[in-house]
Each structure stands twice: as C-alpha cells, then as structure tokens.
Amino acid sequence: MEYIYAAMLIHKAGKTIDEATLKKVLEAAGVAVDDARIKATVAALQGVNIDEAIEKAAVAAPVAAAAPAAGGAPEAKAEKKEEKKKEEGKSKEEAAAGLGSLFG
C-alpha cells in the first residue's frame, strides 16, 4: 500500500512517477524498498489517469463503508445494554423494598 501512497503523493506534487522518485519518497518515509515492487508499481501506473481513479475510488468508498452500518449487530448490543440496565434497576428496587420491611 505504501507504494501506491507514495505514487499518489508524487502525483499530487505534480512530479513524474518514475522509479527514482518513487524510491526516494519511500526511503524518506523509512520504508524498506523492494526494487521489483517499485518497477511493478511504475509499470502498473503507466497510462492510468490517477485523478480519474481517485474520483472513482472516492465515490465507491462511502457506499462500501455504509453497508456494515446497516447491519443488525450494533442494535443487538444496544438491546443487551438496555436489558442489563432494566435488570439492575429491578434488583435495586427489590433490595430497597426488602430493607424497608425491616424497619416498618
């Protein structure tokens, strides 16, 4: 992933994405550089309109992120918490009623 991030950074800076520039950015970030991965990344990005690819990815990301939120898991957790609170409330009331009967 860091190779793609470095390429995006180079593109954002308005520079040409080539092996030497990509290697310099990765080294500056403290990444252990693999020359084969650099060559593969540069070759894969040849002819790609990066701005268009970013726009498409930005549109697709919120849709994918919204899907897990629609699931029932968070609701189930909320119901369990409410049940625990109700049970605790009853037990405290019952305990208080029991103590009251001792004195009255």
N, C-alpha and C. Protein backbone atom coordinates (compact mmCIF):
# COMPACT_ATOMS: atom_id res chain seq x y z
N MET A 1 0.81 -1.18 0.00
CA MET A 1 0.00 0.00 0.00
C MET A 1 0.86 1.25 0.00
N GLU A 2 1.98 1.18 0.71
CA GLU A 2 2.82 2.38 0.80
C GLU A 2 3.37 2.80 -0.57
N TYR A 3 3.50 1.87 -1.49
CA TYR A 3 3.97 2.19 -2.84
C TYR A 3 2.93 3.04 -3.57
N ILE A 4 1.67 2.69 -3.41
CA ILE A 4 0.60 3.46 -4.04
C ILE A 4 0.47 4.83 -3.37
N TYR A 5 0.59 4.87 -2.05
CA TYR A 5 0.53 6.15 -1.35
C TYR A 5 1.66 7.06 -1.81
N ALA A 6 2.83 6.52 -1.96
CA ALA A 6 3.97 7.31 -2.43
C ALA A 6 3.72 7.83 -3.84
N ALA A 7 3.15 6.98 -4.69
CA ALA A 7 2.84 7.40 -6.07
C ALA A 7 1.80 8.51 -6.07
N MET A 8 0.82 8.41 -5.18
CA MET A 8 -0.21 9.46 -5.10
C MET A 8 0.40 10.77 -4.61
N LEU A 9 1.32 10.68 -3.68
CA LEU A 9 1.99 11.87 -3.18
C LEU A 9 2.81 12.54 -4.28
N ILE A 10 3.53 11.74 -5.04
CA ILE A 10 4.32 12.27 -6.15
C ILE A 10 3.40 12.93 -7.17
N HIS A 11 2.29 12.28 -7.47
CA HIS A 11 1.32 12.83 -8.44
C HIS A 11 0.76 14.15 -7.92
N LYS A 12 0.40 14.20 -6.65
CA LYS A 12 -0.16 15.42 -6.05
C LYS A 12 0.85 16.57 -6.10
N ALA A 13 2.13 16.24 -6.00
CA ALA A 13 3.18 17.26 -6.07
C ALA A 13 3.44 17.72 -7.50
N GLY A 14 2.80 17.06 -8.47
CA GLY A 14 2.96 17.45 -9.86
C GLY A 14 4.21 16.89 -10.51
N LYS A 15 4.82 15.91 -9.91
CA LYS A 15 6.04 15.30 -10.44
C LYS A 15 5.69 14.06 -11.26
N THR A 16 6.66 13.61 -12.03
CA THR A 16 6.51 12.39 -12.81
C THR A 16 6.77 11.19 -11.92
N ILE A 17 5.89 10.20 -12.01
CA ILE A 17 6.06 8.99 -11.21
C ILE A 17 7.01 8.06 -11.97
N ASP A 18 8.25 8.03 -11.50
CA ASP A 18 9.24 7.13 -12.08
C ASP A 18 9.93 6.38 -10.94
N GLU A 19 10.75 5.42 -11.30
CA GLU A 19 11.38 4.54 -10.30
C GLU A 19 12.23 5.32 -9.30
N ALA A 20 13.03 6.27 -9.79
CA ALA A 20 13.93 7.01 -8.92
C ALA A 20 13.17 7.86 -7.90
N THR A 21 12.14 8.55 -8.37
CA THR A 21 11.36 9.41 -7.49
C THR A 21 10.58 8.59 -6.47
N LEU A 22 10.00 7.49 -6.92
CA LEU A 22 9.25 6.62 -6.02
C LEU A 22 10.17 6.05 -4.94
N LYS A 23 11.36 5.66 -5.33
CA LYS A 23 12.32 5.10 -4.38
C LYS A 23 12.72 6.15 -3.34
N LYS A 24 12.95 7.39 -3.78
CA LYS A 24 13.34 8.46 -2.86
C LYS A 24 12.23 8.73 -1.83
N VAL A 25 10.99 8.76 -2.29
CA VAL A 25 9.87 9.03 -1.38
C VAL A 25 9.73 7.90 -0.36
N LEU A 26 9.83 6.67 -0.81
CA LEU A 26 9.71 5.53 0.10
C LEU A 26 10.84 5.50 1.12
N GLU A 27 12.06 5.78 0.67
CA GLU A 27 13.20 5.80 1.58
C GLU A 27 13.05 6.92 2.61
N ALA A 28 12.54 8.08 2.16
CA ALA A 28 12.34 9.20 3.08
C ALA A 28 11.29 8.86 4.13
N ALA A 29 10.36 7.99 3.78
CA ALA A 29 9.32 7.57 4.73
C ALA A 29 9.78 6.44 5.63
N GLY A 30 10.98 5.92 5.38
CA GLY A 30 11.51 4.85 6.22
C GLY A 30 11.02 3.46 5.83
N VAL A 31 10.58 3.31 4.60
CA VAL A 31 10.08 2.02 4.13
C VAL A 31 11.25 1.22 3.53
N ALA A 32 11.29 -0.07 3.84
CA ALA A 32 12.28 -0.95 3.22
C ALA A 32 11.89 -1.12 1.75
N VAL A 33 12.72 -0.63 0.85
CA VAL A 33 12.38 -0.57 -0.56
C VAL A 33 12.69 -1.88 -1.27
N ASP A 34 11.73 -2.34 -2.07
CA ASP A 34 11.88 -3.53 -2.90
C ASP A 34 11.86 -3.05 -4.35
N ASP A 35 13.01 -3.15 -5.03
CA ASP A 35 13.12 -2.63 -6.40
C ASP A 35 12.12 -3.27 -7.35
N ALA A 36 11.83 -4.54 -7.17
CA ALA A 36 10.87 -5.22 -8.04
C ALA A 36 9.47 -4.63 -7.88
N ARG A 37 9.11 -4.31 -6.64
CA ARG A 37 7.79 -3.71 -6.40
C ARG A 37 7.71 -2.30 -6.95
N ILE A 38 8.84 -1.57 -6.89
CA ILE A 38 8.88 -0.22 -7.47
C ILE A 38 8.64 -0.31 -8.97
N LYS A 39 9.36 -1.21 -9.65
CA LYS A 39 9.20 -1.37 -11.09
C LYS A 39 7.77 -1.77 -11.44
N ALA A 40 7.21 -2.68 -10.66
CA ALA A 40 5.85 -3.14 -10.92
C ALA A 40 4.83 -2.01 -10.72
N THR A 41 5.03 -1.21 -9.70
CA THR A 41 4.12 -0.10 -9.43
C THR A 41 4.17 0.93 -10.54
N VAL A 42 5.38 1.30 -10.94
CA VAL A 42 5.53 2.29 -12.02
C VAL A 42 4.93 1.75 -13.31
N ALA A 43 5.17 0.48 -13.61
CA ALA A 43 4.63 -0.12 -14.84
C ALA A 43 3.10 -0.18 -14.78
N ALA A 44 2.55 -0.48 -13.62
CA ALA A 44 1.10 -0.57 -13.50
C ALA A 44 0.42 0.78 -13.63
N LEU A 45 1.13 1.85 -13.28
CA LEU A 45 0.55 3.19 -13.33
C LEU A 45 0.73 3.88 -14.68
N GLN A 46 1.49 3.27 -15.57
CA GLN A 46 1.69 3.86 -16.90
C GLN A 46 0.35 3.90 -17.64
N GLY A 47 -0.03 5.06 -18.10
CA GLY A 47 -1.26 5.21 -18.86
C GLY A 47 -2.52 5.32 -18.01
N VAL A 48 -2.37 5.35 -16.70
CA VAL A 48 -3.53 5.46 -15.80
C VAL A 48 -3.77 6.93 -15.49
N ASN A 49 -5.02 7.37 -15.63
CA ASN A 49 -5.39 8.72 -15.23
C ASN A 49 -5.66 8.67 -13.72
N ILE A 50 -4.69 9.11 -12.94
CA ILE A 50 -4.75 8.99 -11.49
C ILE A 50 -5.88 9.83 -10.91
N ASP A 51 -6.10 11.02 -11.44
CA ASP A 51 -7.18 11.87 -10.94
C ASP A 51 -8.54 11.18 -11.10
N GLU A 52 -8.74 10.56 -12.26
CA GLU A 52 -9.99 9.85 -12.52
C GLU A 52 -10.13 8.64 -11.59
N ALA A 53 -9.05 7.93 -11.38
CA ALA A 53 -9.08 6.76 -10.49
C ALA A 53 -9.41 7.17 -9.06
N ILE A 54 -8.87 8.30 -8.61
CA ILE A 54 -9.15 8.79 -7.26
C ILE A 54 -10.62 9.18 -7.13
N GLU A 55 -11.16 9.84 -8.15
CA GLU A 55 -12.58 10.22 -8.12
C GLU A 55 -13.48 9.00 -8.02
N LYS A 56 -13.18 7.97 -8.80
CA LYS A 56 -13.99 6.76 -8.76
C LYS A 56 -13.88 6.07 -7.41
N ALA A 57 -12.69 6.05 -6.83
CA ALA A 57 -12.49 5.42 -5.54
C ALA A 57 -13.19 6.22 -4.44
N ALA A 58 -13.19 7.54 -4.54
CA ALA A 58 -13.82 8.37 -3.53
C ALA A 58 -15.33 8.18 -3.54
N VAL A 59 -15.91 7.93 -4.69
CA VAL A 59 -17.36 7.70 -4.78
C VAL A 59 -17.71 6.32 -4.25
N ALA A 60 -16.89 5.34 -4.51
CA ALA A 60 -17.19 3.97 -4.10
C ALA A 60 -16.95 3.74 -2.61
N ALA A 61 -16.05 4.46 -1.99
CA ALA A 61 -15.70 4.22 -0.60
C ALA A 61 -16.86 4.46 0.37
N PRO A 62 -17.61 5.56 0.28
CA PRO A 62 -18.71 5.75 1.23
C PRO A 62 -19.80 4.69 1.09
N VAL A 63 -20.04 4.20 -0.10
CA VAL A 63 -21.04 3.16 -0.28
C VAL A 63 -20.61 1.90 0.44
N ALA A 64 -19.36 1.53 0.32
CA ALA A 64 -18.86 0.33 0.97
C ALA A 64 -18.84 0.51 2.48
N ALA A 65 -18.54 1.68 2.96
CA ALA A 65 -18.49 1.92 4.39
C ALA A 65 -19.88 1.94 5.01
N ALA A 66 -20.88 2.32 4.25
CA ALA A 66 -22.23 2.40 4.78
C ALA A 66 -22.86 1.02 4.96
N ALA A 67 -22.42 0.03 4.23
CA ALA A 67 -23.02 -1.30 4.31
C ALA A 67 -22.93 -1.92 5.69
N PRO A 68 -21.77 -1.91 6.38
CA PRO A 68 -21.73 -2.51 7.71
C PRO A 68 -22.62 -1.79 8.72
N ALA A 69 -22.82 -0.50 8.55
CA ALA A 69 -23.63 0.25 9.49
C ALA A 69 -25.10 -0.17 9.41
N ALA A 70 -25.52 -0.70 8.27
CA ALA A 70 -26.90 -1.11 8.10
C ALA A 70 -27.19 -2.45 8.76
N GLY A 71 -26.15 -3.17 9.19
CA GLY A 71 -26.32 -4.49 9.80
C GLY A 71 -26.98 -4.39 11.17
N GLY A 72 -27.39 -5.52 11.71
CA GLY A 72 -28.10 -5.53 12.97
C GLY A 72 -27.21 -5.67 14.19
N ALA A 73 -25.94 -5.81 14.04
CA ALA A 73 -25.06 -6.05 15.18
C ALA A 73 -25.07 -4.91 16.20
N PRO A 74 -24.94 -3.64 15.80
CA PRO A 74 -24.95 -2.57 16.81
C PRO A 74 -26.27 -2.49 17.55
N GLU A 75 -27.38 -2.77 16.87
CA GLU A 75 -28.68 -2.72 17.53
C GLU A 75 -28.78 -3.80 18.59
N ALA A 76 -28.26 -4.96 18.30
CA ALA A 76 -28.31 -6.07 19.26
C ALA A 76 -27.53 -5.71 20.52
N LYS A 77 -26.38 -5.06 20.36
CA LYS A 77 -25.59 -4.66 21.52
C LYS A 77 -26.35 -3.64 22.36
N ALA A 78 -27.03 -2.70 21.69
CA ALA A 78 -27.78 -1.69 22.40
C ALA A 78 -28.92 -2.32 23.19
N GLU A 79 -29.58 -3.32 22.60
CA GLU A 79 -30.67 -4.00 23.29
C GLU A 79 -30.16 -4.74 24.52
N LYS A 80 -29.00 -5.37 24.42
CA LYS A 80 -28.44 -6.09 25.56
C LYS A 80 -28.12 -5.13 26.70
N LYS A 81 -27.58 -3.95 26.38
CA LYS A 81 -27.26 -2.97 27.41
C LYS A 81 -28.52 -2.49 28.11
N GLU A 82 -29.59 -2.27 27.32
CA GLU A 82 -30.84 -1.82 27.91
C GLU A 82 -31.41 -2.89 28.83
N GLU A 83 -31.32 -4.16 28.43
CA GLU A 83 -31.81 -5.25 29.26
C GLU A 83 -31.05 -5.31 30.58
N LYS A 84 -29.73 -5.14 30.52
CA LYS A 84 -28.93 -5.16 31.74
C LYS A 84 -29.34 -4.03 32.68
N LYS A 85 -29.56 -2.84 32.11
CA LYS A 85 -29.95 -1.70 32.93
C LYS A 85 -31.29 -1.95 33.60
N LYS A 86 -32.23 -2.54 32.86
CA LYS A 86 -33.54 -2.84 33.43
C LYS A 86 -33.42 -3.85 34.56
N GLU A 87 -32.61 -4.88 34.35
CA GLU A 87 -32.43 -5.90 35.38
C GLU A 87 -31.78 -5.31 36.62
N GLU A 88 -30.80 -4.44 36.44
CA GLU A 88 -30.13 -3.81 37.57
C GLU A 88 -31.10 -2.92 38.33
N GLY A 89 -31.93 -2.20 37.58
CA GLY A 89 -32.91 -1.32 38.20
C GLY A 89 -33.89 -2.09 39.07
N LYS A 90 -34.37 -3.21 38.62
CA LYS A 90 -35.30 -4.03 39.39
C LYS A 90 -34.63 -4.57 40.64
N SER A 91 -33.44 -5.03 40.52
CA SER A 91 -32.77 -5.62 41.67
C SER A 91 -32.52 -4.57 42.76
N LYS A 92 -32.22 -3.36 42.39
CA LYS A 92 -32.01 -2.30 43.38
C LYS A 92 -33.32 -1.94 44.06
N GLU A 93 -34.41 -1.91 43.27
CA GLU A 93 -35.72 -1.59 43.84
C GLU A 93 -36.16 -2.69 44.80
N GLU A 94 -35.92 -3.92 44.40
CA GLU A 94 -36.30 -5.04 45.25
C GLU A 94 -35.48 -5.04 46.54
N ALA A 95 -34.21 -4.73 46.42
CA ALA A 95 -33.35 -4.68 47.61
C ALA A 95 -33.81 -3.58 48.54
N ALA A 96 -34.19 -2.43 47.99
CA ALA A 96 -34.65 -1.31 48.82
C ALA A 96 -35.96 -1.68 49.50
N ALA A 97 -36.85 -2.36 48.81
CA ALA A 97 -38.12 -2.77 49.40
C ALA A 97 -37.88 -3.75 50.54
N GLY A 98 -36.92 -4.63 50.37
CA GLY A 98 -36.60 -5.60 51.42
C GLY A 98 -36.07 -4.91 52.67
N LEU A 99 -35.25 -3.90 52.52
CA LEU A 99 -34.71 -3.17 53.66
C LEU A 99 -35.79 -2.36 54.35
N GLY A 100 -36.70 -1.83 53.57
CA GLY A 100 -37.80 -1.05 54.15
C GLY A 100 -38.68 -1.90 55.06
N SER A 101 -38.84 -3.15 54.71
CA SER A 101 -39.70 -4.01 55.52
C SER A 101 -39.06 -4.35 56.87
N LEU A 102 -37.77 -4.21 56.96
CA LEU A 102 -37.09 -4.46 58.23
C LEU A 102 -37.45 -3.40 59.26
N PHE A 103 -37.69 -2.16 58.80
CA PHE A 103 -37.91 -1.06 59.73
C PHE A 103 -39.39 -0.66 59.82
N GLY A 104 -40.25 -1.23 59.03
CA GLY A 104 -41.58 -0.70 59.07
C GLY A 104 -42.60 -1.69 59.13
